[in-house]
Amino acid sequence: MKEITVTVIDNDVERALRILKKKIQNDGLFKRLKVKKHFEKPCQFRRRKMREAMRRQRIAASRSRRRPR
């Protein structure tokens, strides 16, 4: 696992919490915890992985079709 650190500046804990939540979300930790919350059948696991791969391919294809500015 990757270590996530956030420094608190001028006792601004609210801002530090927002930054921490953003870092955790970008890391994908929330998504992994949500998936691990319940048992997933092997067929559901394969289906989810296939959907994620197709989504990544669609995103990559749409990025490659865009014209550079």
Protein backbone atom coordinates (compact mmCIF):
# COMPACT_ATOMS: atom_id res chain seq x y z
CA MET A 1 0.00 0.00 0.00
CA LYS A 2 1.04 3.56 -0.67
CA GLU A 3 1.43 5.94 2.24
CA ILE A 4 -0.78 9.02 2.06
CA THR A 5 0.28 12.04 4.12
CA VAL A 6 -1.30 15.44 4.60
CA THR A 7 0.24 18.31 6.54
CA VAL A 8 -1.94 20.60 8.63
CA ILE A 9 -1.03 24.26 8.16
CA ASP A 10 -2.11 26.93 10.66
CA ASN A 11 -4.39 24.47 12.53
CA ASP A 12 -6.69 24.33 9.49
CA VAL A 13 -7.95 20.78 10.02
CA GLU A 14 -10.97 21.20 7.74
CA ARG A 15 -8.77 21.99 4.76
CA ALA A 16 -6.44 19.10 5.60
CA LEU A 17 -9.43 16.72 5.70
CA ARG A 18 -10.62 17.93 2.29
CA ILE A 19 -7.15 17.37 0.87
CA LEU A 20 -6.98 13.90 2.46
CA LYS A 21 -10.36 12.90 1.03
CA LYS A 22 -9.28 14.10 -2.43
CA LYS A 23 -6.03 12.11 -2.24
CA ILE A 24 -7.84 8.96 -1.09
CA GLN A 25 -10.41 9.33 -3.86
CA ASN A 26 -7.72 9.83 -6.52
CA ASP A 27 -5.82 6.80 -5.18
CA GLY A 28 -8.92 4.62 -5.59
CA LEU A 29 -9.01 3.50 -1.97
CA PHE A 30 -12.74 4.23 -1.57
CA LYS A 31 -13.54 2.12 -4.61
CA ARG A 32 -11.43 -0.81 -3.37
CA LEU A 33 -13.06 -0.67 0.07
CA LYS A 34 -16.53 -0.61 -1.47
CA VAL A 35 -15.73 -3.68 -3.58
CA LYS A 36 -14.25 -5.59 -0.63
CA LYS A 37 -17.22 -4.80 1.62
CA HIS A 38 -19.17 -7.83 0.38
CA PHE A 39 -18.20 -11.16 -1.15
CA GLU A 40 -18.20 -11.10 -4.92
CA LYS A 41 -18.89 -14.23 -6.91
CA PRO A 42 -16.21 -15.16 -9.46
CA CYS A 43 -18.60 -14.53 -12.36
CA GLN A 44 -19.44 -11.07 -10.95
CA PHE A 45 -15.73 -10.38 -10.51
CA ARG A 46 -15.00 -11.24 -14.15
CA ARG A 47 -17.96 -9.15 -15.34
CA ARG A 48 -16.83 -6.13 -13.28
CA LYS A 49 -13.27 -6.42 -14.55
CA MET A 50 -14.53 -6.65 -18.15
CA ARG A 51 -16.71 -3.55 -17.68
CA GLU A 52 -13.81 -1.62 -16.16
CA ALA A 53 -11.54 -2.60 -19.05
CA MET A 54 -14.15 -1.55 -21.62
CA ARG A 55 -14.62 1.77 -19.83
CA ARG A 56 -10.86 2.41 -19.89
CA GLN A 57 -10.76 1.58 -23.61
CA ARG A 58 -13.66 3.96 -24.34
CA ILE A 59 -11.97 6.75 -22.42
CA ALA A 60 -8.65 6.14 -24.18
CA ALA A 61 -10.37 6.08 -27.58
CA SER A 62 -12.21 9.33 -26.91
CA ARG A 63 -8.95 10.98 -25.83
CA SER A 64 -7.15 9.84 -28.96
CA ARG A 65 -9.97 11.18 -31.21
CA ARG A 66 -9.74 14.67 -29.76
CA ARG A 67 -7.71 17.22 -31.65
CA PRO A 68 -4.81 18.79 -29.79
CA ARG A 69 -5.28 22.49 -29.13
